[in-house]
Amino acid sequence: MENSNNAPRRAQSSHRPSSRSTVLALLVLLSLVAAACGSSDNASGTADLGDWDSILSEADGQTVQLWMWGGDTVLNSYIEDTVAPAVADLGVTLEQVRIEATADGIDRIVSEIEAGSDDGAVDLIWVNGKNFSQGKDSGLWAQDWVSALPNASLLDADDPTLFSDFGVPTDGQEAPWSRAAFTFAYDSAVIDNPPSTFAELTDWVAANPGRFTYPAPPDFTGSAFVRQAVQALGEDEAFELLATMGPNLWNGGESFPKDEAELNTLFGNGEVDLAMSYNPNFVQVNVDQGIFAGTARPFIFEGGTLQNVSFLAMPANAGSASGAMVVMNEMLTAELQSEKLSQVGVPAVVDIGGVVEETDYRLSDFGTPLEELPADDVPRIDERWRTEVLR
């Protein structure tokens, strides 16, 4: 996920692999990769993709390296203490390679393929939409492997967010494993029934001037709020609503918080009555850390929630492809998905049947996901906000 959300760092950033630097030469390098990869369409070496028993047999004894951003200690613990033991029971050793930026993993994949290696060190990698799109265009990823996973049948075929990464069809080249959902919080000591649609929010803001605001795009949370309005209402109607709301915002709409951390401070200090985050568990985290009062409660908007799905891709030259498929298949079980929600506080990508109990501070139902806008639309929408809403 492409953002720089800041607070609380432990819980907020777990949904978005860091990509602080772009691989400037990626497209040039990947033109070489495409030639090196050729028409690689069997992801599991000698195993038959249509024979799961064959894949399990080949995976037995393999070590799988999962390259992912390692800055979230809670998420790291989930991988190490929950996922790794589950796949060890199937004969697969899982090693998490913690990186600071997705670009580090991409560099390694490209350099190994350039060198002609078919025994790559990266077996699975947490990529963002831009990385995936560039790699897909150049043949960087293994093909046709996701549909071979037995637990892929647990993915809702009618949920477009599971099969499209920032507007780019995944086409079986990466598998969803986690989700973030745009969540609001309200102060229940002040508000009995929070607004649950953009129309209700507009009326509430007009009746309670100065008690609501949102971070200024291109901050990730602020941009997500604007995009949710666009996706729920249509672009022109959304910007008309945001412009109308402006004078009744905190500080008269003359200035906006620079990021979610600043918004949370305003909420925690009682200067505004609503807050927001892409981390569904952020209310519980902030209450536990003493940042929010115990009267904070989470809620989502009706009619669709802006959600972001995280994907794992397998490089075309993965050295332990069958093992990687076994790891991914286990990560899609309802058991491991429910453990992720319970331990990390982020939504599942499969139906977990209400396994995790909903509390005053944590949601378990995140509503109907709104399909993401193409990544290329985000800068344009952020700029339109700057010219039409920012005064």
Protein backbone atom coordinates (compact mmCIF):
# COMPACT_ATOMS: atom_id res chain seq x y z
CA MET A 1 0.00 0.00 0.00
CA GLU A 2 1.38 3.33 -0.96
CA ASN A 3 1.34 5.74 1.93
CA SER A 4 3.31 7.23 4.76
CA ASN A 5 0.80 6.98 7.57
CA ASN A 6 2.43 7.77 10.89
CA ALA A 7 0.43 7.03 14.02
CA PRO A 8 0.43 4.87 15.87
CA ARG A 9 3.36 3.49 13.89
CA ARG A 10 3.08 0.01 15.39
CA ALA A 11 -0.45 -0.57 14.18
CA GLN A 12 -0.92 1.82 11.29
CA SER A 13 1.78 0.75 8.91
CA SER A 14 1.21 -2.99 9.05
CA HIS A 15 -1.07 -2.85 6.00
CA ARG A 16 1.22 -1.06 3.64
CA PRO A 17 4.69 -2.26 2.59
CA SER A 18 7.09 0.64 2.71
CA SER A 19 8.30 1.90 -0.66
CA ARG A 20 10.20 5.02 0.27
CA SER A 21 12.34 4.94 -2.84
CA THR A 22 11.40 3.99 -6.39
CA VAL A 23 13.70 1.75 -8.35
CA LEU A 24 14.49 4.35 -11.00
CA ALA A 25 15.96 1.86 -13.41
CA LEU A 26 13.29 -0.77 -12.81
CA LEU A 27 11.62 -0.62 -16.20
CA VAL A 28 14.96 -0.74 -17.99
CA LEU A 29 16.11 -3.71 -15.92
CA LEU A 30 12.82 -5.48 -16.29
CA SER A 31 13.07 -5.39 -20.07
CA LEU A 32 15.97 -7.77 -19.55
CA VAL A 33 13.98 -9.76 -17.02
CA ALA A 34 11.16 -10.36 -19.49
CA ALA A 35 13.58 -11.97 -21.90
CA ALA A 36 15.20 -14.02 -19.15
CA CYS A 37 11.87 -15.26 -17.81
CA GLY A 38 10.54 -16.22 -21.21
CA SER A 39 7.15 -17.89 -20.98
CA SER A 40 7.51 -19.22 -17.44
CA ASP A 41 4.03 -20.45 -16.59
CA ASN A 42 4.69 -23.28 -14.12
CA ALA A 43 5.35 -21.83 -10.73
CA SER A 44 6.28 -25.02 -8.92
CA GLY A 45 9.25 -26.45 -10.73
CA THR A 46 8.67 -30.14 -11.41
CA ALA A 47 5.38 -30.39 -9.52
CA ASP A 48 2.10 -30.44 -11.39
CA LEU A 49 0.08 -27.32 -10.56
CA GLY A 50 -3.07 -29.38 -10.88
CA ASP A 51 -1.87 -31.95 -8.33
CA TRP A 52 -1.79 -30.49 -4.81
CA ASP A 53 -0.36 -33.70 -3.36
CA SER A 54 2.57 -33.38 -5.74
CA ILE A 55 3.12 -29.78 -4.62
CA LEU A 56 3.00 -30.83 -0.96
CA SER A 57 5.52 -33.58 -1.63
CA GLU A 58 7.91 -31.26 -3.42
CA ALA A 59 7.50 -28.58 -0.70
CA ASP A 60 8.44 -30.99 2.10
CA GLY A 61 11.89 -29.94 3.34
CA GLN A 62 11.96 -26.62 1.49
CA THR A 63 12.84 -23.31 3.14
CA VAL A 64 10.68 -20.39 2.01
CA GLN A 65 11.94 -16.82 2.28
CA LEU A 66 9.17 -14.27 2.70
CA TRP A 67 10.48 -10.77 2.00
CA MET A 68 8.37 -8.07 3.60
CA TRP A 69 8.56 -4.75 5.38
CA GLY A 70 9.64 -5.58 8.92
CA GLY A 71 8.83 -2.44 10.88
CA ASP A 72 5.73 -3.75 12.67
CA THR A 73 6.64 -5.90 15.67
CA VAL A 74 3.08 -7.20 16.09
CA LEU A 75 2.85 -8.32 12.47
CA ASN A 76 6.33 -9.83 12.68
CA SER A 77 5.23 -11.85 15.69
CA TYR A 78 2.20 -13.12 13.80
CA ILE A 79 4.41 -14.37 10.96
CA GLU A 80 7.00 -15.90 13.30
CA ASP A 81 4.76 -17.34 16.01
CA THR A 82 1.61 -18.29 14.09
CA VAL A 83 2.29 -18.75 10.37
CA ALA A 84 5.73 -20.38 10.66
CA PRO A 85 4.61 -23.14 13.07
CA ALA A 86 1.55 -23.87 10.91
CA VAL A 87 3.63 -24.50 7.78
CA ALA A 88 6.32 -26.33 9.76
CA ASP A 89 3.70 -29.01 10.40
CA LEU A 90 3.67 -29.50 6.62
CA GLY A 91 7.44 -29.81 6.37
CA VAL A 92 8.12 -26.23 5.23
CA THR A 93 10.47 -23.83 7.01
CA LEU A 94 9.37 -20.19 6.76
CA GLU A 95 11.97 -17.44 7.12
CA GLN A 96 10.84 -13.82 7.21
CA VAL A 97 13.34 -11.47 5.56
CA ARG A 98 12.59 -8.04 7.01
CA ILE A 99 13.29 -5.20 4.62
CA GLU A 100 12.87 -1.45 4.93
CA ALA A 101 11.54 -0.90 1.41
CA THR A 102 9.88 -3.09 -1.20
CA ALA A 103 12.49 -1.80 -3.66
CA ASP A 104 15.16 -3.79 -1.80
CA GLY A 105 13.40 -7.05 -2.64
CA ILE A 106 12.71 -6.00 -6.22
CA ASP A 107 16.41 -5.18 -6.69
CA ARG A 108 17.36 -8.66 -5.48
CA ILE A 109 14.89 -10.39 -7.78
CA VAL A 110 15.96 -8.40 -10.82
CA SER A 111 19.68 -8.87 -10.19
CA GLU A 112 19.29 -12.62 -9.79
CA ILE A 113 17.21 -13.01 -12.93
CA GLU A 114 19.69 -10.86 -14.85
CA ALA A 115 22.38 -13.26 -13.68
CA GLY A 116 20.37 -16.20 -15.01
CA SER A 117 19.53 -17.69 -11.60
CA ASP A 118 16.53 -20.00 -11.45
CA ASP A 119 17.04 -20.55 -7.72
CA GLY A 120 16.13 -17.10 -6.46
CA ALA A 121 16.37 -16.09 -2.81
CA VAL A 122 12.96 -14.42 -2.83
CA ASP A 123 10.11 -16.91 -2.73
CA LEU A 124 7.28 -14.57 -1.71
CA ILE A 125 7.30 -10.78 -1.46
CA TRP A 126 4.82 -8.23 -0.13
CA VAL A 127 4.51 -5.77 -2.99
CA ASN A 128 2.57 -2.58 -3.53
CA GLY A 129 0.45 -1.82 -6.56
CA LYS A 130 3.13 0.01 -8.49
CA ASN A 131 5.73 -2.71 -7.94
CA PHE A 132 3.26 -5.37 -9.00
CA SER A 133 2.15 -3.51 -12.12
CA GLN A 134 5.69 -2.87 -13.32
CA GLY A 135 6.70 -6.46 -12.64
CA LYS A 136 3.64 -7.85 -14.34
CA ASP A 137 4.28 -5.81 -17.48
CA SER A 138 7.79 -7.25 -17.65
CA GLY A 139 7.12 -10.88 -16.73
CA LEU A 140 8.70 -10.69 -13.29
CA TRP A 141 6.08 -12.79 -11.50
CA ALA A 142 5.24 -16.50 -11.59
CA GLN A 143 2.00 -17.14 -13.42
CA ASP A 144 -1.12 -19.24 -12.82
CA TRP A 145 -0.19 -20.35 -9.32
CA VAL A 146 -2.87 -18.73 -7.16
CA SER A 147 -5.78 -20.70 -8.63
CA ALA A 148 -3.88 -23.90 -7.81
CA LEU A 149 -4.15 -23.18 -4.08
CA PRO A 150 -7.01 -25.20 -2.54
CA ASN A 151 -7.87 -22.33 -0.21
CA ALA A 152 -8.18 -19.89 -3.11
CA SER A 153 -11.75 -21.20 -3.24
CA LEU A 154 -12.35 -19.31 0.03
CA LEU A 155 -11.83 -15.97 -1.73
CA ASP A 156 -15.10 -14.24 -2.61
CA ALA A 157 -15.24 -14.18 -6.41
CA ASP A 158 -17.64 -11.23 -6.24
CA ASP A 159 -15.21 -9.05 -4.27
CA PRO A 160 -13.23 -7.08 -6.88
CA THR A 161 -10.67 -5.87 -4.34
CA LEU A 162 -9.27 -9.41 -4.05
CA PHE A 163 -8.41 -9.70 -7.73
CA SER A 164 -7.26 -6.20 -8.62
CA ASP A 165 -4.27 -4.34 -7.18
CA PHE A 166 -4.83 -0.57 -7.47
CA GLY A 167 -6.77 -1.10 -10.68
CA VAL A 168 -4.42 -3.73 -12.17
CA PRO A 169 -5.91 -7.25 -12.53
CA THR A 170 -3.80 -9.74 -10.59
CA ASP A 171 -4.45 -12.57 -13.07
CA GLY A 172 -3.26 -15.21 -10.62
CA GLN A 173 0.19 -13.68 -10.24
CA GLU A 174 -0.22 -12.52 -6.63
CA ALA A 175 -2.47 -13.65 -3.79
CA PRO A 176 -4.33 -11.50 -1.25
CA TRP A 177 -3.35 -12.08 2.36
CA SER A 178 -4.45 -9.05 4.39
CA ARG A 179 -6.79 -6.11 4.28
CA ALA A 180 -7.09 -2.61 5.69
CA ALA A 181 -10.38 -0.73 5.99
CA PHE A 182 -11.03 2.99 6.32
CA THR A 183 -12.47 3.34 9.81
CA PHE A 184 -13.84 6.31 11.73
CA ALA A 185 -13.97 6.92 15.47
CA TYR A 186 -16.31 9.10 17.48
CA ASP A 187 -16.45 10.33 21.05
CA SER A 188 -19.46 8.54 22.51
CA ALA A 189 -19.53 10.96 25.43
CA VAL A 190 -20.43 13.71 22.96
CA ILE A 191 -22.20 11.92 20.07
CA ASP A 192 -24.98 9.38 20.47
CA ASN A 193 -25.32 8.36 16.83
CA PRO A 194 -22.40 9.26 14.55
CA PRO A 195 -23.05 10.18 10.90
CA SER A 196 -22.84 7.08 8.73
CA THR A 197 -23.11 8.57 5.23
CA PHE A 198 -21.48 11.55 3.56
CA ALA A 199 -24.84 13.34 3.46
CA GLU A 200 -25.27 12.80 7.21
CA LEU A 201 -21.70 13.95 7.79
CA THR A 202 -22.33 17.16 5.87
CA ASP A 203 -25.42 17.87 7.97
CA TRP A 204 -23.57 17.02 11.18
CA VAL A 205 -20.66 19.31 10.31
CA ALA A 206 -23.06 22.17 9.55
CA ALA A 207 -24.77 21.65 12.91
CA ASN A 208 -21.45 21.29 14.77
CA PRO A 209 -19.03 23.77 13.18
CA GLY A 210 -15.39 23.33 14.07
CA ARG A 211 -15.79 19.79 15.41
CA PHE A 212 -14.61 17.85 12.36
CA THR A 213 -11.62 17.88 10.07
CA TYR A 214 -9.39 15.50 8.11
CA PRO A 215 -5.72 15.49 7.11
CA ALA A 216 -4.81 17.43 4.00
CA PRO A 217 -4.05 15.30 0.93
CA PRO A 218 -1.62 14.00 -0.18
CA ASP A 219 -1.39 12.61 3.36
CA PHE A 220 -2.55 9.02 2.98
CA THR A 221 -5.45 9.19 5.42
CA GLY A 222 -6.69 12.51 4.08
CA SER A 223 -6.38 11.28 0.51
CA ALA A 224 -8.28 8.11 1.45
CA PHE A 225 -11.10 10.18 2.95
CA VAL A 226 -11.42 12.21 -0.25
CA ARG A 227 -11.26 9.08 -2.42
CA GLN A 228 -13.96 7.38 -0.35
CA ALA A 229 -16.20 10.36 -1.02
CA VAL A 230 -15.36 10.17 -4.73
CA GLN A 231 -16.06 6.46 -4.91
CA ALA A 232 -19.26 6.69 -2.89
CA LEU A 233 -20.75 9.76 -4.58
CA GLY A 234 -19.04 10.28 -7.90
CA GLU A 235 -16.24 12.76 -8.39
CA ASP A 236 -18.12 15.98 -9.11
CA GLU A 237 -20.69 15.46 -6.36
CA ALA A 238 -17.95 14.55 -3.90
CA PHE A 239 -15.98 17.72 -4.54
CA GLU A 240 -19.10 19.84 -4.30
CA LEU A 241 -19.83 18.27 -0.91
CA LEU A 242 -16.24 18.73 0.33
CA ALA A 243 -16.21 22.38 -0.75
CA THR A 244 -19.56 23.01 0.97
CA MET A 245 -18.30 21.39 4.14
CA GLY A 246 -15.08 23.42 4.20
CA PRO A 247 -16.11 26.58 6.13
CA ASN A 248 -17.61 24.48 8.94
CA LEU A 249 -14.49 22.40 9.51
CA TRP A 250 -12.04 22.81 12.38
CA ASN A 251 -10.30 26.18 12.14
CA GLY A 252 -12.86 27.24 9.57
CA GLY A 253 -11.23 25.06 6.96
CA GLU A 254 -8.35 27.55 6.77
CA SER A 255 -5.89 24.80 7.69
CA PHE A 256 -5.89 21.03 8.01
CA PRO A 257 -3.93 18.51 10.10
CA LYS A 258 -0.81 17.45 8.25
CA ASP A 259 -1.33 13.75 8.98
CA GLU A 260 -3.31 11.21 10.96
CA ALA A 261 -1.08 11.65 14.00
CA GLU A 262 -2.03 15.32 14.24
CA LEU A 263 -5.71 14.49 13.74
CA ASN A 264 -5.49 11.90 16.51
CA THR A 265 -3.98 14.54 18.78
CA LEU A 266 -6.88 16.88 18.09
CA PHE A 267 -9.33 14.07 18.79
CA GLY A 268 -7.50 13.00 21.93
CA ASN A 269 -7.46 16.59 23.19
CA GLY A 270 -11.20 16.97 22.59
CA GLU A 271 -10.79 19.60 19.87
CA VAL A 272 -12.70 17.49 17.33
CA ASP A 273 -15.24 14.71 17.84
CA LEU A 274 -14.39 12.41 14.92
CA ALA A 275 -11.14 10.75 13.85
CA MET A 276 -10.20 8.33 11.08
CA SER A 277 -7.68 5.69 10.12
CA TYR A 278 -6.95 2.93 7.62
CA ASN A 279 -6.25 0.62 10.56
CA PRO A 280 -9.52 -0.92 11.83
CA ASN A 281 -7.97 -1.54 15.24
CA PHE A 282 -6.70 1.98 15.77
CA VAL A 283 -9.34 2.92 18.36
CA GLN A 284 -8.41 0.00 20.58
CA VAL A 285 -4.70 0.70 20.15
CA ASN A 286 -5.09 4.37 21.00
CA VAL A 287 -7.31 3.66 24.00
CA ASP A 288 -4.83 1.07 25.27
CA GLN A 289 -1.96 3.55 24.85
CA GLY A 290 -3.87 6.34 26.60
CA ILE A 291 -4.01 8.52 23.47
CA PHE A 292 -7.80 8.33 23.21
CA ALA A 293 -10.28 8.44 26.06
CA GLY A 294 -12.23 5.30 26.83
CA THR A 295 -15.31 6.93 25.29
CA ALA A 296 -13.89 6.53 21.77
CA ARG A 297 -15.76 4.06 19.55
CA PRO A 298 -15.10 2.85 15.98
CA PHE A 299 -17.60 2.94 13.12
CA ILE A 300 -17.70 2.71 9.33
CA PHE A 301 -19.80 4.44 6.70
CA GLU A 302 -22.78 2.60 5.28
CA GLY A 303 -22.96 1.79 1.59
CA GLY A 304 -19.34 0.82 1.16
CA THR A 305 -15.97 1.11 2.85
CA LEU A 306 -12.73 2.11 1.19
CA GLN A 307 -10.52 -0.92 1.70
CA ASN A 308 -7.01 -1.80 0.67
CA VAL A 309 -5.88 -5.36 0.11
CA SER A 310 -2.28 -6.46 0.58
CA PHE A 311 -0.88 -9.07 -1.79
CA LEU A 312 2.04 -11.49 -1.87
CA ALA A 313 3.67 -12.15 -5.24
CA MET A 314 5.94 -15.03 -6.21
CA PRO A 315 8.92 -14.22 -8.44
CA ALA A 316 9.24 -16.26 -11.62
CA ASN A 317 12.58 -17.63 -10.41
CA ALA A 318 11.54 -18.48 -6.83
CA GLY A 319 13.85 -21.18 -5.49
CA SER A 320 11.18 -22.81 -3.31
CA ALA A 321 8.04 -22.26 -5.36
CA SER A 322 6.13 -25.29 -4.08
CA GLY A 323 6.94 -24.34 -0.49
CA ALA A 324 5.79 -20.79 -1.20
CA MET A 325 2.47 -22.12 -2.45
CA VAL A 326 2.04 -24.18 0.71
CA VAL A 327 2.77 -21.09 2.84
CA MET A 328 0.29 -18.99 0.89
CA ASN A 329 -2.36 -21.69 1.08
CA GLU A 330 -2.03 -21.85 4.87
CA MET A 331 -2.17 -18.06 5.17
CA LEU A 332 -5.58 -18.20 3.49
CA THR A 333 -7.10 -20.56 6.05
CA ALA A 334 -9.89 -19.15 8.19
CA GLU A 335 -7.85 -20.08 11.26
CA LEU A 336 -4.77 -18.05 10.34
CA GLN A 337 -6.86 -15.19 8.98
CA SER A 338 -8.85 -14.98 12.21
CA GLU A 339 -5.63 -15.11 14.23
CA LYS A 340 -4.33 -12.17 12.19
CA LEU A 341 -7.42 -10.14 13.00
CA SER A 342 -7.19 -11.09 16.65
CA GLN A 343 -3.46 -10.48 17.03
CA VAL A 344 -2.79 -7.62 14.60
CA GLY A 345 -6.24 -6.05 14.33
CA VAL A 346 -6.53 -6.11 10.54
CA PRO A 347 -9.42 -7.64 8.55
CA ALA A 348 -9.38 -11.06 6.89
CA VAL A 349 -9.56 -11.68 3.16
CA VAL A 350 -11.67 -14.82 3.63
CA ASP A 351 -14.87 -15.45 5.58
CA ILE A 352 -13.87 -16.19 9.17
CA GLY A 353 -17.44 -16.64 10.34
CA GLY A 354 -17.32 -14.15 13.19
CA VAL A 355 -14.47 -16.00 14.91
CA VAL A 356 -13.06 -12.81 16.42
CA GLU A 357 -15.28 -11.16 18.99
CA GLU A 358 -16.30 -7.57 18.31
CA THR A 359 -15.67 -5.24 21.24
CA ASP A 360 -16.38 -1.61 22.09
CA TYR A 361 -13.05 -0.70 20.53
CA ARG A 362 -12.70 -3.18 17.68
CA LEU A 363 -14.88 -4.00 14.69
CA SER A 364 -15.17 -7.40 13.10
CA ASP A 365 -17.56 -6.39 10.28
CA PHE A 366 -16.03 -3.88 7.87
CA GLY A 367 -18.89 -3.56 5.43
CA THR A 368 -18.92 -3.82 1.67
CA PRO A 369 -15.56 -2.89 0.11
CA LEU A 370 -15.49 -0.16 -2.50
CA GLU A 371 -13.34 -0.99 -5.48
CA GLU A 372 -10.10 0.98 -5.46
CA LEU A 373 -9.48 3.70 -7.98
CA PRO A 374 -6.54 3.16 -10.34
CA ALA A 375 -3.31 4.33 -8.71
CA ASP A 376 -2.74 6.87 -11.50
CA ASP A 377 -5.96 8.68 -10.49
CA VAL A 378 -4.78 9.44 -6.95
CA PRO A 379 -2.41 12.36 -7.72
CA ARG A 380 -5.04 13.97 -9.96
CA ILE A 381 -7.73 13.75 -7.28
CA ASP A 382 -5.34 15.08 -4.63
CA GLU A 383 -4.54 18.04 -6.90
CA ARG A 384 -8.22 18.70 -7.57
CA TRP A 385 -8.77 18.83 -3.81
CA ARG A 386 -5.96 21.36 -3.50
CA THR A 387 -7.41 23.64 -6.15
CA GLU A 388 -11.14 23.32 -5.34
CA VAL A 389 -11.30 22.73 -1.58
CA LEU A 390 -8.16 24.15 0.02
CA ARG A 391 -8.67 27.86 0.58
